[in-house]
Protein backbone atom coordinates (compact mmCIF):
# COMPACT_ATOMS: atom_id res chain seq x y z
CA MET A 1 104.48 16.91 38.15
CA ARG A 2 101.24 14.93 37.88
CA ARG A 3 100.45 13.95 34.30
CA GLN A 4 97.05 15.02 32.96
CA PRO A 5 95.18 13.11 30.22
CA PRO A 6 95.46 15.04 26.91
CA ASP A 7 91.75 15.82 26.58
CA CYS A 8 91.39 17.22 30.13
CA LYS A 9 92.06 20.64 31.50
CA PRO A 10 94.09 20.88 34.72
CA GLY A 11 92.01 19.69 37.66
CA GLU A 12 89.35 17.96 35.57
CA LEU A 13 88.54 14.26 35.81
CA PRO A 14 89.19 12.37 32.56
CA ARG A 15 86.16 11.78 30.33
CA TRP A 16 84.87 8.23 29.67
CA ARG A 17 86.87 7.73 26.47
CA SER A 18 90.08 8.76 28.29
CA ALA A 19 89.37 6.81 31.44
CA GLY A 20 88.27 3.67 29.64
CA PRO A 21 91.77 2.12 29.36
CA TYR A 22 92.30 2.49 33.07
CA LEU A 23 88.98 0.87 34.18
CA PRO A 24 90.48 -2.65 34.35
CA LEU A 25 92.66 -1.39 37.19
CA VAL A 26 89.61 -0.75 39.39
CA GLY A 27 89.18 -4.42 40.37
CA PRO A 28 92.82 -5.02 41.55
CA CYS A 29 92.66 -1.67 43.48
CA LEU A 30 89.70 -2.90 45.49
CA LEU A 31 90.98 -6.46 45.95
CA TYR A 32 94.56 -5.63 46.87
CA PRO A 33 94.65 -2.12 48.37
CA GLU A 34 97.60 -2.96 50.61
CA VAL A 35 99.76 -3.58 47.50
CA LEU A 36 98.68 -0.62 45.39
CA PHE A 37 98.18 2.10 48.03
CA GLU A 38 100.55 3.51 50.62
CA ASP A 39 97.86 5.84 52.02
CA SER A 40 96.16 4.19 55.03
CA LEU A 41 92.85 6.00 54.33
CA ALA A 42 92.76 4.55 50.80
CA ARG A 43 93.54 1.13 52.22
CA ARG A 44 90.67 1.36 54.71
CA LEU A 45 88.19 2.62 52.10
CA CYS A 46 89.07 -0.08 49.57
CA GLY A 47 89.03 -2.69 52.34
CA GLY A 48 85.55 -1.58 53.34
CA VAL A 49 84.37 -1.81 49.74
CA ARG A 50 85.86 -5.26 49.49
CA GLN A 51 84.04 -6.50 52.62
CA ALA A 52 80.78 -5.04 51.40
CA CYS A 53 81.21 -6.82 48.05
CA ARG A 54 81.92 -10.07 49.82
CA ALA A 55 78.80 -9.63 52.00
CA ALA A 56 76.66 -8.87 48.96
CA LEU A 57 78.00 -11.70 46.85
CA PRO A 58 75.40 -14.33 48.00
CA LEU A 59 72.60 -11.82 47.32
CA PHE A 60 74.04 -11.11 43.90
CA VAL A 61 74.29 -14.82 43.07
CA LEU A 62 70.67 -15.37 44.15
CA ALA A 63 69.48 -12.39 42.13
CA ALA A 64 71.40 -13.73 39.11
CA LEU A 65 69.87 -17.15 39.46
CA ALA A 66 66.41 -15.66 39.81
CA PHE A 67 66.93 -13.47 36.78
CA ALA A 68 68.17 -16.48 34.75
CA TYR A 69 65.11 -18.41 35.85
CA VAL A 70 62.82 -15.60 34.72
CA LEU A 71 64.63 -15.21 31.41
CA TYR A 72 64.78 -18.88 30.43
CA ALA A 73 62.20 -20.81 32.42
CA ASP A 74 59.08 -18.68 32.97
CA LEU A 75 59.56 -15.60 30.81
CA ASN A 76 55.94 -15.54 29.60
CA GLY A 77 54.32 -16.07 33.03
CA PHE A 78 56.58 -13.63 34.88
CA GLN A 79 56.01 -10.85 32.36
CA ALA A 80 52.20 -11.42 32.41
CA TRP A 81 52.34 -11.05 36.19
CA THR A 82 54.36 -7.82 36.07
CA ALA A 83 52.11 -6.34 33.41
CA GLN A 84 49.13 -6.95 35.63
CA HIS A 85 50.92 -5.14 38.49
CA ARG A 86 52.39 -2.16 36.74
CA ASP A 87 52.43 -0.03 39.89
CA ASN A 88 54.71 -2.41 41.76
CA SER A 89 58.17 -0.69 41.62
CA LEU A 90 60.08 -3.83 42.50
CA LEU A 91 58.54 -5.82 39.65
CA SER A 92 59.06 -2.85 37.28
CA PHE A 93 62.70 -2.74 38.26
CA VAL A 94 63.17 -6.45 37.43
CA GLN A 95 61.09 -6.19 34.28
CA ARG A 96 63.24 -3.39 32.82
CA PRO A 97 66.31 -5.53 31.91
CA VAL A 98 64.04 -8.33 30.76
CA SER A 99 62.31 -5.95 28.36
CA ILE A 100 65.63 -4.68 27.00
CA ILE A 101 67.10 -8.15 26.42
CA GLU A 102 63.94 -9.56 24.85
CA GLY A 103 63.43 -6.35 22.83
CA PHE A 104 66.71 -7.13 21.04
CA TRP A 105 65.82 -10.80 20.65
CA SER A 106 62.52 -9.90 19.03
CA MET A 107 64.24 -8.02 16.25
CA ASN A 108 64.74 -11.45 14.74
CA PRO A 109 61.39 -12.62 13.19
CA LEU A 110 62.33 -16.20 13.94
CA TYR A 111 62.20 -15.50 17.66
CA LEU A 112 58.60 -14.28 17.60
CA ASP A 113 57.65 -17.16 15.29
CA GLY A 114 59.17 -19.59 17.81
CA GLN A 115 57.29 -17.95 20.74
CA ARG A 116 54.02 -18.24 18.84
CA SER A 117 54.68 -21.92 18.22
CA LYS A 118 55.31 -22.31 21.94
CA TYR A 119 52.57 -20.20 23.47
CA GLY A 120 49.95 -19.61 20.79
CA SER A 121 48.85 -16.33 19.21
CA THR A 122 48.82 -14.43 22.50
CA PHE A 123 51.93 -14.11 24.73
CA MET A 124 54.27 -11.58 26.33
CA VAL A 125 57.27 -10.02 24.66
CA ALA A 126 59.56 -7.36 26.15
CA GLY A 127 56.91 -6.31 28.68
CA GLN A 128 54.20 -6.03 26.05
CA VAL A 129 51.06 -8.15 25.60
CA LEU A 130 51.34 -9.52 22.08
CA LEU A 131 47.92 -10.07 20.48
CA GLY A 132 48.91 -12.00 17.41
CA ASP A 133 45.72 -13.09 15.68
CA VAL A 134 45.17 -11.27 12.38
CA ALA A 135 41.82 -9.73 13.45
CA SER A 136 43.42 -8.00 16.46
CA VAL A 137 46.35 -6.74 14.44
CA GLN A 138 44.19 -5.34 11.62
CA ARG A 139 41.86 -3.75 14.15
CA GLU A 140 44.75 -1.95 15.84
CA LEU A 141 46.35 -0.83 12.59
CA THR A 142 43.14 0.91 11.55
CA ALA A 143 42.38 2.60 14.92
CA PRO A 144 43.95 5.68 16.59
CA GLN A 145 46.96 4.69 18.74
CA ALA A 146 48.42 5.94 21.98
CA ARG A 147 52.18 5.48 21.95
CA ALA A 148 55.12 5.11 24.36
CA GLU A 149 58.84 5.54 23.83
CA ARG A 150 59.26 2.25 22.05
CA LEU A 151 60.53 1.24 18.65
CA GLY A 152 58.82 -2.06 17.97
CA ALA A 153 59.42 -4.05 21.17
CA SER A 154 62.57 -2.17 22.12
CA SER A 155 62.69 0.62 24.72
CA LEU A 156 63.98 4.00 23.50
CA LEU A 157 66.47 6.21 25.33
CA HIS A 158 64.61 9.41 26.12
CA GLY A 159 67.73 11.56 25.98
CA ALA A 160 68.62 10.35 22.48
CA LEU A 161 65.27 11.41 20.90
CA PRO A 162 65.24 14.53 18.75
CA ARG A 163 63.78 17.68 20.31
CA ARG A 164 63.87 21.46 20.42
CA GLU A 165 66.74 23.08 22.28
CA GLY A 166 65.78 23.94 25.86
CA SER A 167 62.55 21.94 25.60
CA ASP A 168 61.34 18.43 26.32
CA ARG A 169 59.07 18.39 23.25
CA THR A 170 60.19 15.39 21.15
CA VAL A 171 59.68 15.25 17.41
CA PHE A 172 60.26 11.46 17.19
CA LEU A 173 57.11 10.55 15.24
CA VAL A 174 57.06 6.87 16.22
CA SER A 175 56.63 7.73 19.90
CA LEU A 176 53.89 10.33 19.53
CA SER A 177 50.26 9.46 20.25
CA ASP A 178 47.38 10.25 17.89
CA ALA A 179 45.10 13.13 18.96
CA ALA A 180 42.10 10.70 18.98
CA ALA A 181 44.01 8.44 21.39
CA GLY A 182 44.88 11.09 24.00
CA GLY A 183 47.77 12.80 22.18
CA ASN A 184 48.19 16.57 21.89
CA GLY A 185 48.03 16.60 18.09
CA ASP A 186 51.84 16.81 17.63
CA HIS A 187 51.91 13.55 15.61
CA GLY A 188 49.47 14.73 12.94
CA ALA A 189 50.96 18.26 12.79
CA PHE A 190 54.58 17.02 12.53
CA LYS A 191 53.66 14.39 9.97
CA ALA A 192 51.95 17.05 7.86
CA ALA A 193 55.03 19.22 8.06
CA LEU A 194 57.19 16.33 6.86
CA GLY A 195 54.84 15.67 4.04
CA SER A 196 54.91 19.24 2.91
CA ILE A 197 58.62 18.85 2.13
CA TRP A 198 59.19 15.17 1.31
CA PHE A 199 56.03 14.12 -0.48
CA THR A 200 55.27 16.88 -2.97
CA HIS A 201 54.74 17.22 -6.67
CA ALA A 202 58.30 18.43 -6.94
CA ALA A 203 59.57 15.23 -5.21
CA ALA A 204 57.49 13.10 -7.54
CA GLY A 205 58.98 14.95 -10.50
CA ARG A 206 62.48 14.31 -9.22
CA GLN A 207 61.72 10.64 -8.78
CA GLY A 208 60.94 10.35 -12.53
CA ASP A 209 63.62 12.66 -14.01
CA ALA A 210 66.94 12.02 -15.73
CA ILE A 211 69.07 12.28 -12.54
CA ALA A 212 67.03 9.51 -10.81
CA GLY A 213 67.37 7.50 -14.01
CA GLU A 214 71.13 8.02 -13.97
CA LEU A 215 71.33 6.77 -10.39
CA LEU A 216 69.30 3.65 -11.31
CA ASP A 217 71.54 2.98 -14.35
CA GLY A 218 74.61 3.30 -12.11
CA LEU A 219 73.14 0.81 -9.63
CA ALA A 220 72.43 -1.62 -12.49
CA GLY A 221 76.05 -1.32 -13.68
CA GLU A 222 77.34 -1.98 -10.18
CA TYR A 223 75.07 -5.01 -9.83
CA ALA A 224 76.15 -6.43 -13.12
CA SER A 225 79.87 -6.06 -12.17
CA ALA A 226 79.15 -7.66 -8.79
CA LEU A 227 77.28 -10.54 -10.48
CA ARG A 228 80.23 -11.21 -12.74
CA ALA A 229 82.59 -11.07 -9.74
CA GLY A 230 80.70 -13.87 -7.99
CA PRO A 231 79.52 -14.32 -4.37
CA GLN A 232 82.13 -11.99 -2.88
CA GLY A 233 81.24 -9.19 -5.28
CA LEU A 234 77.50 -9.63 -4.53
CA TRP A 235 78.16 -9.59 -0.81
CA ARG A 236 79.95 -6.25 -1.11
CA PHE A 237 77.15 -4.87 -3.31
CA PHE A 238 74.43 -5.73 -0.77
CA ASN A 239 76.29 -5.05 2.55
CA MET A 240 79.08 -2.44 2.23
CA PRO A 241 77.85 1.08 3.06
CA GLN A 242 80.22 2.89 0.68
CA VAL A 243 79.19 0.99 -2.51
CA GLY A 244 76.26 -0.73 -4.12
CA LEU A 245 72.76 -0.86 -2.63
CA MET A 246 73.35 1.21 0.52
CA ARG A 247 75.20 3.98 -1.33
CA PHE A 248 72.38 4.10 -3.86
CA HIS A 249 69.73 4.46 -1.18
CA VAL A 250 71.56 7.34 0.43
CA ARG A 251 72.06 9.25 -2.79
CA TYR A 252 68.67 8.50 -4.37
CA LEU A 253 66.46 9.28 -1.33
CA HIS A 254 68.32 12.47 -0.40
CA TYR A 255 67.90 13.67 -4.04
CA VAL A 256 64.25 12.74 -4.42
CA LEU A 257 63.02 13.86 -0.93
CA LEU A 258 65.24 16.91 -0.36
CA GLY A 259 66.63 17.86 -3.73
CA LEU A 260 70.25 17.42 -2.56
CA ASP A 261 72.97 16.85 -5.14
CA PRO A 262 73.61 13.08 -5.45
CA HIS A 263 77.09 13.80 -6.87
CA ASP A 264 78.22 15.65 -3.72
CA GLU A 265 80.64 13.10 -2.31
CA GLN A 266 81.27 14.89 0.90
CA ALA A 267 77.60 14.91 1.70
CA THR A 268 77.20 11.31 0.67
CA LEU A 269 79.98 10.24 3.03
CA LEU A 270 78.43 12.29 5.86
CA PHE A 271 74.98 10.70 5.35
CA THR A 272 76.48 7.20 5.08
CA GLU A 273 78.31 7.72 8.32
CA ALA A 274 75.27 9.04 10.10
CA PHE A 275 72.75 6.37 8.96
CA TYR A 276 74.70 3.26 8.36
CA ALA A 277 78.25 3.35 9.79
CA THR A 278 77.46 4.59 13.31
CA GLY A 279 74.81 2.01 14.39
CA GLY A 280 71.52 2.97 12.75
CA PRO A 281 68.32 2.57 14.74
CA ILE A 282 70.04 0.93 17.76
CA THR A 283 71.52 4.29 18.68
CA TYR A 284 68.01 5.45 19.74
CA MET A 285 67.46 2.38 21.95
CA SER A 286 67.88 2.11 25.70
CA LEU A 287 70.39 -0.24 27.24
CA GLY A 288 68.82 -0.05 30.64
CA GLY A 289 71.19 2.25 32.45
CA TRP A 290 74.26 0.65 30.92
CA GLU A 291 74.59 3.46 28.39
CA LEU A 292 78.41 3.29 28.61
CA LEU A 293 78.09 0.09 26.66
CA ARG A 294 76.71 2.11 23.75
CA GLY A 295 80.24 3.12 22.73
CA PRO A 296 81.26 -0.18 21.19
CA LEU A 297 78.02 -0.17 19.12
CA GLN A 298 78.85 2.96 17.26
CA ARG A 299 81.87 4.78 15.91
CA GLY A 300 82.74 8.49 16.07
CA ASP A 301 80.85 11.44 17.61
CA LEU A 302 77.28 10.42 16.74
CA GLY A 303 75.71 13.58 18.13
CA GLY A 304 78.05 15.78 16.14
CA VAL A 305 77.55 13.77 12.97
CA ARG A 306 73.78 13.97 13.22
CA GLU A 307 73.84 17.73 13.84
CA ALA A 308 76.03 18.10 10.77
CA VAL A 309 73.36 16.26 8.81
CA VAL A 310 70.71 18.59 10.34
CA ASP A 311 72.69 21.59 9.13
CA ARG A 312 72.76 20.07 5.62
CA TYR A 313 69.06 19.41 5.68
CA MET A 314 68.22 22.96 6.74
CA THR A 315 69.90 24.32 3.61
CA ALA A 316 68.45 21.70 1.22
CA PRO A 317 66.54 23.08 -1.76
CA ALA A 318 63.30 21.42 -0.69
CA MET A 319 63.51 23.00 2.78
CA GLN A 320 63.58 26.59 1.52
CA ALA A 321 59.81 26.75 1.13
CA PHE A 322 59.23 25.80 4.83
CA ARG A 323 58.01 28.64 7.07
CA GLU A 324 58.46 28.40 10.79
CA GLY A 325 55.79 29.18 13.40
CA ARG A 326 52.75 27.92 11.48
CA ASP A 327 49.83 26.88 13.63
CA GLU A 328 49.01 23.80 11.52
CA PHE A 329 52.50 22.50 12.18
CA HIS A 330 52.40 23.33 15.89
CA HIS A 331 55.00 26.08 15.49
CA LEU A 332 57.66 23.60 14.32
CA THR A 333 61.02 25.23 13.69
CA ARG A 334 63.19 24.39 10.69
CA ARG A 335 65.82 22.75 12.97
CA GLU A 336 63.17 20.62 14.66
CA LEU A 337 61.87 19.50 11.29
CA ALA A 338 65.41 18.70 10.13
CA ARG A 339 65.96 16.64 13.33
CA LEU A 340 62.67 14.79 12.73
CA MET A 341 63.86 14.02 9.19
CA VAL A 342 67.19 12.65 10.45
CA SER A 343 65.35 10.27 12.83
CA ILE A 344 62.98 9.09 10.13
CA MET A 345 65.87 8.50 7.71
CA CYS A 346 67.64 6.52 10.44
CA VAL A 347 64.86 4.23 11.62
CA ALA A 348 62.64 3.97 8.51
CA ALA A 349 63.46 5.53 5.13
CA LEU A 350 66.94 4.05 4.82
CA GLN A 351 66.06 0.76 6.54
CA GLY A 352 62.76 -0.63 5.29
CA PRO A 353 63.37 -0.16 1.53
CA LEU A 354 66.87 -1.53 1.91
CA HIS A 355 65.47 -4.60 3.58
CA LEU A 356 62.99 -5.16 0.78
CA ALA A 357 65.56 -4.49 -1.93
CA ARG A 358 67.98 -7.03 -0.45
CA THR A 359 65.18 -9.55 -0.24
CA ALA A 360 63.87 -8.93 -3.79
CA MET A 361 67.40 -9.05 -5.40
CA GLY A 362 68.63 -12.15 -3.56
CA GLY A 363 70.86 -10.33 -1.03
CA GLN A 364 69.17 -12.20 1.84
CA SER A 365 67.03 -15.30 1.97
CA LEU A 366 63.46 -15.45 3.23
CA PRO A 367 63.18 -16.71 6.84
CA GLU A 368 63.12 -20.36 7.76
CA TYR A 369 60.09 -20.22 10.00
CA ARG A 370 60.07 -23.23 12.31
CA SER A 371 56.29 -23.03 12.57
CA ALA A 372 56.13 -24.09 8.91
CA TYR A 373 57.70 -27.46 9.77
CA ALA A 374 55.33 -27.90 12.66
CA ALA A 375 52.40 -27.44 10.34
CA GLY A 376 53.86 -29.92 7.80
CA LEU A 377 54.58 -27.05 5.30
CA VAL A 378 57.66 -25.80 3.50
CA PRO A 379 59.11 -22.58 4.95
CA PRO A 380 59.67 -19.45 2.71
CA SER A 381 63.45 -20.00 2.97
CA ALA A 382 63.01 -22.66 0.23
CA VAL A 383 61.85 -20.04 -2.21
CA ASP A 384 64.41 -19.13 -4.89
CA VAL A 385 63.62 -15.36 -5.04
CA PRO A 386 66.05 -14.45 -7.86
CA SER A 387 64.44 -17.02 -10.15
CA HIS A 388 61.03 -15.39 -9.57
CA TRP A 389 62.65 -12.02 -10.37
CA ASP A 390 64.00 -13.48 -13.61
CA ALA A 391 60.50 -14.64 -14.59
CA LEU A 392 58.79 -11.38 -13.60
CA ASP A 393 57.19 -9.27 -16.36
CA LEU A 394 59.19 -6.11 -15.75
CA GLU A 395 56.93 -4.02 -17.95
CA ASP A 396 53.73 -4.90 -16.00
CA ASP A 397 53.44 -2.36 -13.18
CA ASP A 398 50.79 -4.41 -11.35
CA SER A 399 52.90 -7.55 -11.39
CA VAL A 400 55.96 -5.76 -10.11
CA GLU A 401 54.09 -4.11 -7.25
CA LEU A 402 52.40 -7.41 -6.19
CA HIS A 403 55.85 -9.05 -6.34
CA ILE A 404 57.13 -6.50 -3.78
CA LEU A 405 54.04 -6.81 -1.54
CA GLU A 406 54.27 -10.62 -1.47
CA LEU A 407 57.96 -10.45 -0.43
CA ALA A 408 57.01 -7.92 2.25
CA ARG A 409 54.29 -10.32 3.50
CA LEU A 410 56.76 -13.19 3.86
CA PHE A 411 59.53 -11.08 5.38
CA ALA A 412 58.07 -7.90 6.87
CA PRO A 413 60.37 -4.86 6.85
CA VAL A 414 58.89 -3.88 10.24
CA SER A 415 58.00 -6.98 12.28
CA THR A 416 56.27 -5.27 15.21
CA SER A 417 54.61 -1.98 16.19
CA HIS A 418 52.93 -1.12 19.53
CA HIS A 419 50.29 0.91 21.22
CA VAL A 420 49.29 1.72 24.79
CA ALA A 421 45.93 0.30 26.03
CA ARG A 422 43.62 3.17 27.00
CA GLU A 423 41.32 0.93 29.04
CA PRO A 424 41.55 -2.42 30.85
CA PHE A 425 41.32 -5.48 28.66
CA THR A 426 41.27 -9.25 29.10
CA ALA A 427 43.35 -11.83 27.21
CA TRP A 428 44.35 -15.46 27.51
CA VAL A 429 48.05 -15.34 28.44
CA ALA A 430 50.37 -17.84 30.11
CA GLY A 431 47.79 -20.52 30.59
CA ARG A 432 44.88 -18.48 31.93
CA GLU A 433 42.63 -15.53 31.29
CA ARG A 434 44.08 -12.31 32.73
CA THR A 435 42.93 -8.76 32.94
CA PHE A 436 45.43 -5.99 32.23
CA PRO A 437 45.10 -2.41 33.35
CA ALA A 438 44.90 0.75 31.22
CA GLY A 439 48.41 1.83 30.28
CA THR A 440 49.59 -1.66 29.41
CA LEU A 441 51.85 -1.83 26.40
CA VAL A 442 50.35 -3.96 23.55
CA SER A 443 52.53 -5.31 20.78
CA ILE A 444 51.18 -5.27 17.19
CA PRO A 445 52.99 -8.17 15.44
CA ILE A 446 52.71 -7.23 11.76
CA GLY A 447 55.06 -10.01 10.67
CA LEU A 448 53.18 -12.75 12.48
CA ALA A 449 49.77 -11.53 11.28
CA SER A 450 51.00 -11.49 7.71
CA LEU A 451 51.47 -15.24 7.97
CA ASP A 452 48.26 -16.03 9.86
CA ALA A 453 46.49 -19.19 8.72
CA ALA A 454 43.08 -17.51 9.35
CA LEU A 455 43.85 -15.11 6.48
CA TRP A 456 45.99 -17.15 4.08
CA GLY A 457 45.32 -20.79 4.97
CA HIS A 458 47.68 -23.55 4.09
CA THR A 459 49.42 -21.42 1.42
CA ARG A 460 50.62 -18.85 3.94
CA TYR A 461 54.26 -19.77 3.55
CA GLU A 462 54.22 -19.97 -0.29
CA PHE A 463 55.38 -17.24 -2.57
CA ASN A 464 52.34 -16.33 -4.66
CA PRO A 465 52.03 -12.64 -5.77
CA ARG A 466 48.69 -13.40 -7.41
CA ARG A 467 47.05 -14.65 -4.21
CA GLU A 468 43.57 -13.22 -3.69
CA GLY A 469 43.36 -10.18 -1.37
CA LEU A 470 47.09 -9.53 -1.18
CA ARG A 471 46.94 -5.80 -1.93
CA GLY A 472 43.95 -5.12 0.27
CA ASN A 473 45.32 -7.07 3.24
CA SER A 474 48.99 -6.05 3.07
CA MET A 475 50.22 -4.81 6.44
CA ALA A 476 53.75 -4.10 5.43
CA PHE A 477 53.36 -0.29 5.66
CA ASN A 478 51.64 -0.09 9.07
CA SER A 479 48.24 -0.21 7.48
CA VAL A 480 45.72 -2.72 6.11
CA GLY A 481 46.01 -2.10 2.42
CA ASN A 482 45.14 1.59 2.14
CA ARG A 483 43.17 1.65 5.44
CA SER A 484 44.66 3.21 8.54
CA ALA A 485 43.86 5.86 11.15
CA GLY A 486 46.68 8.16 10.05
CA ARG A 487 49.73 6.03 10.88
CA MET A 488 50.30 4.43 7.48
CA CYS A 489 53.91 4.89 6.36
CA PRO A 490 53.92 8.29 4.54
CA GLY A 491 56.69 7.19 2.32
CA ARG A 492 54.95 4.15 0.96
CA GLY A 493 54.46 5.57 -2.51
CA VAL A 494 58.08 6.75 -2.84
CA ALA A 495 59.37 3.41 -1.58
CA VAL A 496 57.25 1.16 -3.82
CA THR A 497 58.09 3.33 -6.90
CA MET A 498 61.79 3.18 -6.08
CA LEU A 499 61.76 -0.52 -5.53
CA ALA A 500 59.73 -1.15 -8.71
CA ASP A 501 62.16 0.94 -10.76
CA MET A 502 65.12 -0.92 -9.25
CA LEU A 503 63.60 -4.29 -10.14
CA ARG A 504 63.04 -3.16 -13.69
CA VAL A 505 66.41 -1.50 -14.43
CA VAL A 506 68.59 -3.79 -12.43
CA GLY A 507 66.51 -6.80 -13.55
CA ALA A 508 67.19 -5.95 -17.17
CA ALA A 509 70.94 -5.72 -16.49
CA ARG A 510 70.84 -8.98 -14.61
CA ARG A 511 69.21 -10.77 -17.52
CA LEU A 512 71.76 -9.39 -20.04
CA THR A 513 74.64 -10.48 -17.75
CA LEU A 514 73.23 -13.99 -17.24
CA THR A 515 72.61 -14.37 -20.97
CA ALA A 516 76.18 -13.28 -21.82
CA ARG A 517 77.55 -15.72 -19.19
CA ALA A 518 75.51 -18.57 -20.66
CA ALA A 519 76.69 -17.81 -24.16
CA ALA A 520 80.36 -17.60 -23.17
C-alpha cells in the first residue's frame, strides 16, 4: 500500500512543510531518470527536461553575469534608467530582484552612508530616487504623501498585509496615501480610530500609575542583576525576547495602550512569539516570488499566531468602547482595527522604542559612519553613551528628552521612508540630470538628513544634546519637530515618556550598582 504523508488526506499532494525533505531528490531525478525510473514515459519526460536545462544553461549564465554586473558595477546608473522607463516590462522584471536585495541592504544605515559618500546626496536605492539633502527631506516630511506598498526601501508582500475578510481593503497604515495626495481618506480615518483607543486620557493615566511604575522597577532590578553578571548578562538583558528589555516592552506597551494585564504570562508569551520570535517586520516584506524561502526566517504558524493576538486585542479593556460602522472611521470593524494594531506593534511600536532604549542604555553602539573619516571627523561610534547617561540630570525632564532626541539623530530608529511622485520631476542622478515620470518612488532618507552638514555643520557626528535647534529639527518621528502633514508617529508622546522614565528609573539603579561595585 502506498504510504501517505501524515498531514495529507488520501489522494492529496503533500504540503510544502511535508514535501520539503524530499525536494533534494528532484535534481537526481531529472539528471539520472534511467536509474531512478522504470517507467519509459517518466524517463522521456525527465530526459526532455534535462535537455531543455542544458540548452538554457548558457542563457542562464549570461543572465547571471548581467545581473551581477548590474548589482555590483552599475547599480546606480541601471536603476536610474529603469526608473525613467517604468512602463518597460522587461526592465521592471529585472529591477524587481534588484529592489528586493538592495532593500535589505539599506536596512543597515552604514550602507546608505556609504552610497552617499560614493554618489553624493542624490542616488538610487531599491528602485527609488533618494533625495538626500536636508531641505528635500524636510519638505517631504511636512507635505501630504502618496504611498506604495513599501516599508522604507523594502517591498511589501501584498498578501501578507492586514485586511478585512473577503475584501482587498488593506489597513496597513504605512502603505496608505494621504487624502490630499490622491488617497481615499482611509489613512486619516484609520489613524483616528487607532488614536481613539491607544492615545487617550485613560492610556496616559495608565502610563503614570502604580502598575507602570512596578514594571519600570522590575526592569531596573533586571538591569542591575545583568550589570553585576557582566557582559553575558547584559547581552541577555538587551537581546533575549523572554527577559529584560524586550519582555518589558511587550508587557508595558500592551498595558498602557490596551489595558491588558501585564502579569498574564500566557498573553505575554503569545505577544513575544508574534512580535519578536517569528521574524518581526521582515514577515511583511516581499522576497520577489521566492516566498517559500520565508519559512526559514520565521518559526511556527505566523498567521495563526497573529490571529490569536487579534482575538486578544478584540477583548482588551480599551477596545470595549470602540463602535463599529462609524463614518469618521470609514466603517472600520473591530477585527480590522485589531489587525491594524497588530501590524503597528510589529513594525513600529515594539521596534523603534526598543532600538532607542538599546542605544541609550549601551546595548548597541552608535554607527561608525565612514563618511565621518572622509570628512576628517570622528564617527559617533567613538561616543561612550553609558558615560553620558551616568552624567545626565535624571530629574531634569528637558535634559532627558533632549538626550533621547540626540541619540535618535545620530542613530535614527527609522532610517528611510518613501512617497510616490505625483508629477514628473528632475534630479541629478548617476552623473547627469534626469527627468523621472509621475509615479516614481522617492526615498525619504531620515537618517542621512539627520546628519546633513548643511544643518549641523562640522559637529554633525558629535553627541551634543544641547545643540541649537535640536528639538525643532528632529526628524526621528517622521516629522520636523512638531511639523508634519499628518504622518508624524502617533505614538511619539508615549514612546518618549516611556524612554524618559526608563532612563530615570534604570539609571538610578545603574548608579547604585556601580557605586556598590566601586566600594567593594
